Amino acid sequence: MKVKFIDSLPIYEGKTKNNLLDGVGTLKTSKGKYFEGNFKNNKYHGEGVYYNINNNLIKITTFVWQMCG
């Protein structure tokens, strides 16, 4: 399932559960940066990778509670 937001809000492509980001997905910002990784209950969760607008790796990180977007 794909969930897309409009205007300057992020675009999410990935798994959902109960209309929340949940599972593996990609969250892209309006500025071209994106996070690819795991989500749970609409939050970054577990391991993920940040990229900048040139698709260069920014960092690999682990989340357990930080809010998306």
PDB file of N, CA and C in Angstrom:
ATOM      1  N   MET A   1       0.836  -1.176   0.000  1.00  0.00           N
ATOM      2  CA  MET A   1       0.000   0.000   0.000  1.00  0.00           C
ATOM      3  C   MET A   1       0.883   1.242   0.000  1.00  0.00           C
ATOM      4  N   LYS A   2       0.540   2.241  -0.779  1.00  0.00           N
ATOM      5  CA  LYS A   2       1.274   3.489  -0.813  1.00  0.00           C
ATOM      6  C   LYS A   2       0.430   4.579  -0.174  1.00  0.00           C
ATOM      7  N   VAL A   3       1.069   5.364   0.680  1.00  0.00           N
ATOM      8  CA  VAL A   3       0.413   6.504   1.291  1.00  0.00           C
ATOM      9  C   VAL A   3       1.149   7.734   0.800  1.00  0.00           C
ATOM     10  N   LYS A   4       0.458   8.674   0.175  1.00  0.00           N
ATOM     11  CA  LYS A   4       1.098   9.878  -0.323  1.00  0.00           C
ATOM     12  C   LYS A   4       0.459  11.106   0.300  1.00  0.00           C
ATOM     13  N   PHE A   5       1.296  12.072   0.631  1.00  0.00           N
ATOM     14  CA  PHE A   5       0.857  13.325   1.196  1.00  0.00           C
ATOM     15  C   PHE A   5       1.044  14.410   0.148  1.00  0.00           C
ATOM     16  N   ILE A   6       0.355  15.511   0.270  1.00  0.00           N
ATOM     17  CA  ILE A   6       0.405  16.545  -0.757  1.00  0.00           C
ATOM     18  C   ILE A   6       1.187  17.777  -0.307  1.00  0.00           C
ATOM     19  N   ASP A   7       1.464  18.641  -1.266  1.00  0.00           N
ATOM     20  CA  ASP A   7       2.161  19.909  -1.057  1.00  0.00           C
ATOM     21  C   ASP A   7       3.547  19.695  -0.462  1.00  0.00           C
ATOM     22  N   SER A   8       3.864  20.408   0.606  1.00  0.00           N
ATOM     23  CA  SER A   8       5.210  20.368   1.167  1.00  0.00           C
ATOM     24  C   SER A   8       5.390  19.260   2.200  1.00  0.00           C
ATOM     25  N   LEU A   9       4.400  18.439   2.375  1.00  0.00           N
ATOM     26  CA  LEU A   9       4.489  17.362   3.359  1.00  0.00           C
ATOM     27  C   LEU A   9       5.271  16.181   2.786  1.00  0.00           C
ATOM     28  N   PRO A  10       5.797  15.325   3.641  1.00  0.00           N
ATOM     29  CA  PRO A  10       6.556  14.170   3.173  1.00  0.00           C
ATOM     30  C   PRO A  10       5.714  13.203   2.346  1.00  0.00           C
ATOM     31  N   ILE A  11       6.414  12.402   1.540  1.00  0.00           N
ATOM     32  CA  ILE A  11       5.777  11.337   0.765  1.00  0.00           C
ATOM     33  C   ILE A  11       6.287  10.019   1.322  1.00  0.00           C
ATOM     34  N   TYR A  12       5.384   9.120   1.652  1.00  0.00           N
ATOM     35  CA  TYR A  12       5.745   7.809   2.196  1.00  0.00           C
ATOM     36  C   TYR A  12       5.331   6.720   1.224  1.00  0.00           C
ATOM     37  N   GLU A  13       6.256   5.805   0.980  1.00  0.00           N
ATOM     38  CA  GLU A  13       5.956   4.611   0.204  1.00  0.00           C
ATOM     39  C   GLU A  13       6.415   3.420   1.024  1.00  0.00           C
ATOM     40  N   GLY A  14       5.476   2.568   1.376  1.00  0.00           N
ATOM     41  CA  GLY A  14       5.844   1.415   2.172  1.00  0.00           C
ATOM     42  C   GLY A  14       4.640   0.778   2.834  1.00  0.00           C
ATOM     43  N   LYS A  15       4.934  -0.040   3.813  1.00  0.00           N
ATOM     44  CA  LYS A  15       3.877  -0.785   4.495  1.00  0.00           C
ATOM     45  C   LYS A  15       3.173   0.078   5.529  1.00  0.00           C
ATOM     46  N   THR A  16       1.887  -0.233   5.728  1.00  0.00           N
ATOM     47  CA  THR A  16       1.085   0.446   6.736  1.00  0.00           C
ATOM     48  C   THR A  16       0.290  -0.585   7.535  1.00  0.00           C
ATOM     49  N   LYS A  17      -0.169  -0.150   8.686  1.00  0.00           N
ATOM     50  CA  LYS A  17      -1.032  -0.977   9.530  1.00  0.00           C
ATOM     51  C   LYS A  17      -1.971  -0.027  10.252  1.00  0.00           C
ATOM     52  N   ASN A  18      -3.272  -0.247  10.115  1.00  0.00           N
ATOM     53  CA  ASN A  18      -4.272   0.631  10.737  1.00  0.00           C
ATOM     54  C   ASN A  18      -4.074   2.091  10.323  1.00  0.00           C
ATOM     55  N   ASN A  19      -3.756   2.305   9.047  1.00  0.00           N
ATOM     56  CA  ASN A  19      -3.529   3.638   8.475  1.00  0.00           C
ATOM     57  C   ASN A  19      -2.346   4.379   9.085  1.00  0.00           C
ATOM     58  N   LEU A  20      -1.396   3.664   9.664  1.00  0.00           N
ATOM     59  CA  LEU A  20      -0.177   4.246  10.208  1.00  0.00           C
ATOM     60  C   LEU A  20       1.021   3.656   9.482  1.00  0.00           C
ATOM     61  N   LEU A  21       2.122   4.410   9.412  1.00  0.00           N
ATOM     62  CA  LEU A  21       3.357   3.883   8.849  1.00  0.00           C
ATOM     63  C   LEU A  21       3.808   2.741   9.744  1.00  0.00           C
ATOM     64  N   ASP A  22       4.006   1.562   9.174  1.00  0.00           N
ATOM     65  CA  ASP A  22       4.340   0.399   9.990  1.00  0.00           C
ATOM     66  C   ASP A  22       4.981  -0.659   9.107  1.00  0.00           C
ATOM     67  N   GLY A  23       6.279  -0.859   9.275  1.00  0.00           N
ATOM     68  CA  GLY A  23       7.016  -1.810   8.455  1.00  0.00           C
ATOM     69  C   GLY A  23       8.103  -1.090   7.669  1.00  0.00           C
ATOM     70  N   VAL A  24       8.608  -1.728   6.645  1.00  0.00           N
ATOM     71  CA  VAL A  24       9.674  -1.166   5.822  1.00  0.00           C
ATOM     72  C   VAL A  24       9.088  -0.135   4.865  1.00  0.00           C
ATOM     73  N   GLY A  25       9.760   1.010   4.763  1.00  0.00           N
ATOM     74  CA  GLY A  25       9.284   2.045   3.850  1.00  0.00           C
ATOM     75  C   GLY A  25      10.314   3.128   3.625  1.00  0.00           C
ATOM     76  N   THR A  26       9.941   4.091   2.777  1.00  0.00           N
ATOM     77  CA  THR A  26      10.777   5.244   2.460  1.00  0.00           C
ATOM     78  C   THR A  26       9.958   6.504   2.671  1.00  0.00           C
ATOM     79  N   LEU A  27      10.514   7.450   3.423  1.00  0.00           N
ATOM     80  CA  LEU A  27       9.856   8.725   3.691  1.00  0.00           C
ATOM     81  C   LEU A  27      10.709   9.818   3.057  1.00  0.00           C
ATOM     82  N   LYS A  28      10.143  10.496   2.044  1.00  0.00           N
ATOM     83  CA  LYS A  28      10.877  11.538   1.309  1.00  0.00           C
ATOM     84  C   LYS A  28      10.358  12.904   1.719  1.00  0.00           C
ATOM     85  N   THR A  29      11.287  13.845   1.960  1.00  0.00           N
ATOM     86  CA  THR A  29      10.898  15.204   2.312  1.00  0.00           C
ATOM     87  C   THR A  29      10.728  16.046   1.051  1.00  0.00           C
ATOM     88  N   SER A  30      10.100  17.192   1.200  1.00  0.00           N
ATOM     89  CA  SER A  30       9.914  18.098   0.065  1.00  0.00           C
ATOM     90  C   SER A  30      11.238  18.690  -0.400  1.00  0.00           C
ATOM     91  N   LYS A  31      12.285  18.622   0.443  1.00  0.00           N
ATOM     92  CA  LYS A  31      13.601  19.147   0.086  1.00  0.00           C
ATOM     93  C   LYS A  31      14.495  18.101  -0.556  1.00  0.00           C
ATOM     94  N   GLY A  32      13.970  16.897  -0.784  1.00  0.00           N
ATOM     95  CA  GLY A  32      14.721  15.870  -1.489  1.00  0.00           C
ATOM     96  C   GLY A  32      15.470  14.881  -0.625  1.00  0.00           C
ATOM     97  N   LYS A  33      15.570  15.125   0.672  1.00  0.00           N
ATOM     98  CA  LYS A  33      16.210  14.153   1.556  1.00  0.00           C
ATOM     99  C   LYS A  33      15.234  13.012   1.802  1.00  0.00           C
ATOM    100  N   TYR A  34      15.765  11.840   2.129  1.00  0.00           N
ATOM    101  CA  TYR A  34      14.855  10.754   2.453  1.00  0.00           C
ATOM    102  C   TYR A  34      15.446   9.778   3.445  1.00  0.00           C
ATOM    103  N   PHE A  35      14.534   9.111   4.141  1.00  0.00           N
ATOM    104  CA  PHE A  35      14.868   8.075   5.123  1.00  0.00           C
ATOM    105  C   PHE A  35      14.310   6.768   4.608  1.00  0.00           C
ATOM    106  N   GLU A  36      15.147   5.763   4.611  1.00  0.00           N
ATOM    107  CA  GLU A  36      14.752   4.431   4.162  1.00  0.00           C
ATOM    108  C   GLU A  36      14.997   3.482   5.327  1.00  0.00           C
ATOM    109  N   GLY A  37      13.932   2.828   5.784  1.00  0.00           N
ATOM    110  CA  GLY A  37      14.113   1.938   6.917  1.00  0.00           C
ATOM    111  C   GLY A  37      12.800   1.449   7.486  1.00  0.00           C
ATOM    112  N   ASN A  38      12.812   1.212   8.775  1.00  0.00           N
ATOM    113  CA  ASN A  38      11.657   0.644   9.466  1.00  0.00           C
ATOM    114  C   ASN A  38      10.859   1.703  10.208  1.00  0.00           C
ATOM    115  N   PHE A  39       9.543   1.479  10.233  1.00  0.00           N
ATOM    116  CA  PHE A  39       8.614   2.353  10.936  1.00  0.00           C
ATOM    117  C   PHE A  39       7.702   1.490  11.802  1.00  0.00           C
ATOM    118  N   LYS A  40       7.217   2.065  12.893  1.00  0.00           N
ATOM    119  CA  LYS A  40       6.245   1.375  13.730  1.00  0.00           C
ATOM    120  C   LYS A  40       5.337   2.423  14.353  1.00  0.00           C
ATOM    121  N   ASN A  41       4.019   2.266  14.163  1.00  0.00           N
ATOM    122  CA  ASN A  41       3.040   3.203  14.722  1.00  0.00           C
ATOM    123  C   ASN A  41       3.346   4.656  14.359  1.00  0.00           C
ATOM    124  N   ASN A  42       3.690   4.879  13.081  1.00  0.00           N
ATOM    125  CA  ASN A  42       3.926   6.225  12.545  1.00  0.00           C
ATOM    126  C   ASN A  42       5.226   6.864  13.025  1.00  0.00           C
ATOM    127  N   LYS A  43       6.163   6.069  13.538  1.00  0.00           N
ATOM    128  CA  LYS A  43       7.433   6.586  14.038  1.00  0.00           C
ATOM    129  C   LYS A  43       8.575   5.814  13.401  1.00  0.00           C
ATOM    130  N   TYR A  44       9.749   6.486  13.276  1.00  0.00           N
ATOM    131  CA  TYR A  44      10.946   5.757  12.877  1.00  0.00           C
ATOM    132  C   TYR A  44      11.165   4.673  13.928  1.00  0.00           C
ATOM    133  N   HIS A  45      11.578   3.495  13.493  1.00  0.00           N
ATOM    134  CA  HIS A  45      11.757   2.412  14.458  1.00  0.00           C
ATOM    135  C   HIS A  45      12.783   1.431  13.923  1.00  0.00           C
ATOM    136  N   GLY A  46      13.761   1.107  14.730  1.00  0.00           N
ATOM    137  CA  GLY A  46      14.788   0.166  14.295  1.00  0.00           C
ATOM    138  C   GLY A  46      15.821   0.853  13.420  1.00  0.00           C
ATOM    139  N   GLU A  47      16.421   0.092  12.513  1.00  0.00           N
ATOM    140  CA  GLU A  47      17.488   0.633  11.692  1.00  0.00           C
ATOM    141  C   GLU A  47      16.964   1.346  10.464  1.00  0.00           C
ATOM    142  N   GLY A  48      17.722   2.350  10.043  1.00  0.00           N
ATOM    143  CA  GLY A  48      17.369   3.075   8.847  1.00  0.00           C
ATOM    144  C   GLY A  48      18.549   3.868   8.335  1.00  0.00           C
ATOM    145  N   VAL A  49      18.414   4.412   7.137  1.00  0.00           N
ATOM    146  CA  VAL A  49      19.487   5.148   6.491  1.00  0.00           C
ATOM    147  C   VAL A  49      18.940   6.477   5.980  1.00  0.00           C
ATOM    148  N   TYR A  50      19.682   7.564   6.222  1.00  0.00           N
ATOM    149  CA  TYR A  50      19.329   8.875   5.690  1.00  0.00           C
ATOM    150  C   TYR A  50      20.156   9.151   4.443  1.00  0.00           C
ATOM    151  N   TYR A  51      19.534   9.755   3.431  1.00  0.00           N
ATOM    152  CA  TYR A  51      20.223  10.167   2.217  1.00  0.00           C
ATOM    153  C   TYR A  51      19.935  11.640   1.962  1.00  0.00           C
ATOM    154  N   ASN A  52      20.888  12.330   1.294  1.00  0.00           N
ATOM    155  CA  ASN A  52      20.626  13.715   0.912  1.00  0.00           C
ATOM    156  C   ASN A  52      20.092  13.767  -0.512  1.00  0.00           C
ATOM    157  N   ILE A  53      19.906  14.963  -1.050  1.00  0.00           N
ATOM    158  CA  ILE A  53      19.277  15.103  -2.353  1.00  0.00           C
ATOM    159  C   ILE A  53      20.107  14.527  -3.495  1.00  0.00           C
ATOM    160  N   ASN A  54      21.402  14.313  -3.280  1.00  0.00           N
ATOM    161  CA  ASN A  54      22.262  13.722  -4.308  1.00  0.00           C
ATOM    162  C   ASN A  54      22.412  12.221  -4.124  1.00  0.00           C
ATOM    163  N   ASN A  55      21.542  11.623  -3.317  1.00  0.00           N
ATOM    164  CA  ASN A  55      21.583  10.202  -2.985  1.00  0.00           C
ATOM    165  C   ASN A  55      22.868   9.787  -2.285  1.00  0.00           C
ATOM    166  N   ASN A  56      23.544  10.739  -1.649  1.00  0.00           N
ATOM    167  CA  ASN A  56      24.718  10.418  -0.856  1.00  0.00           C
ATOM    168  C   ASN A  56      24.272  10.039   0.549  1.00  0.00           C
ATOM    169  N   LEU A  57      24.872   9.010   1.079  1.00  0.00           N
ATOM    170  CA  LEU A  57      24.553   8.554   2.423  1.00  0.00           C
ATOM    171  C   LEU A  57      24.881   9.649   3.426  1.00  0.00           C
ATOM    172  N   ILE A  58      23.920   9.992   4.288  1.00  0.00           N
ATOM    173  CA  ILE A  58      24.177  10.946   5.361  1.00  0.00           C
ATOM    174  C   ILE A  58      24.590  10.193   6.617  1.00  0.00           C
ATOM    175  N   LYS A  59      23.760   9.232   7.043  1.00  0.00           N
ATOM    176  CA  LYS A  59      24.144   8.413   8.186  1.00  0.00           C
ATOM    177  C   LYS A  59      23.237   7.196   8.304  1.00  0.00           C
ATOM    178  N   ILE A  60      23.758   6.199   8.961  1.00  0.00           N
ATOM    179  CA  ILE A  60      22.989   5.007   9.310  1.00  0.00           C
ATOM    180  C   ILE A  60      22.702   5.134  10.797  1.00  0.00           C
ATOM    181  N   THR A  61      21.468   4.895  11.175  1.00  0.00           N
ATOM    182  CA  THR A  61      21.096   5.135  12.566  1.00  0.00           C
ATOM    183  C   THR A  61      20.051   4.137  13.034  1.00  0.00           C
ATOM    184  N   THR A  62      19.810   4.113  14.326  1.00  0.00           N
ATOM    185  CA  THR A  62      18.777   3.273  14.915  1.00  0.00           C
ATOM    186  C   THR A  62      17.844   4.137  15.727  1.00  0.00           C
ATOM    187  N   PHE A  63      16.520   3.962  15.518  1.00  0.00           N
ATOM    188  CA  PHE A  63      15.503   4.704  16.242  1.00  0.00           C
ATOM    189  C   PHE A  63      14.634   3.743  17.019  1.00  0.00           C
ATOM    190  N   VAL A  64      14.081   4.216  18.134  1.00  0.00           N
ATOM    191  CA  VAL A  64      13.076   3.437  18.825  1.00  0.00           C
ATOM    192  C   VAL A  64      11.847   4.257  19.167  1.00  0.00           C
ATOM    193  N   TRP A  65      11.917   5.588  19.052  1.00  0.00           N
ATOM    194  CA  TRP A  65      10.739   6.371  19.444  1.00  0.00           C
ATOM    195  C   TRP A  65      10.557   7.665  18.681  1.00  0.00           C
ATOM    196  N   GLN A  66      11.520   8.168  17.923  1.00  0.00           N
ATOM    197  CA  GLN A  66      11.434   9.490  17.329  1.00  0.00           C
ATOM    198  C   GLN A  66      10.307   9.608  16.319  1.00  0.00           C
ATOM    199  N   MET A  67       9.587  10.720  16.343  1.00  0.00           N
ATOM    200  CA  MET A  67       8.458  10.955  15.449  1.00  0.00           C
ATOM    201  C   MET A  67       8.901  11.148  14.010  1.00  0.00           C
ATOM    202  N   CYS A  68       8.077  10.711  13.077  1.00  0.00           N
ATOM    203  CA  CYS A  68       8.322  10.921  11.659  1.00  0.00           C
ATOM    204  C   CYS A  68       7.961  12.346  11.279  1.00  0.00           C
ATOM    205  N   GLY A  69       8.620  12.797  10.171  1.00  0.00           N
ATOM    206  CA  GLY A  69       8.237  14.046   9.536  1.00  0.00           C
ATOM    207  C   GLY A  69       8.495  15.205  10.386  1.00  0.00           C
TER     208      GLY A  69
END
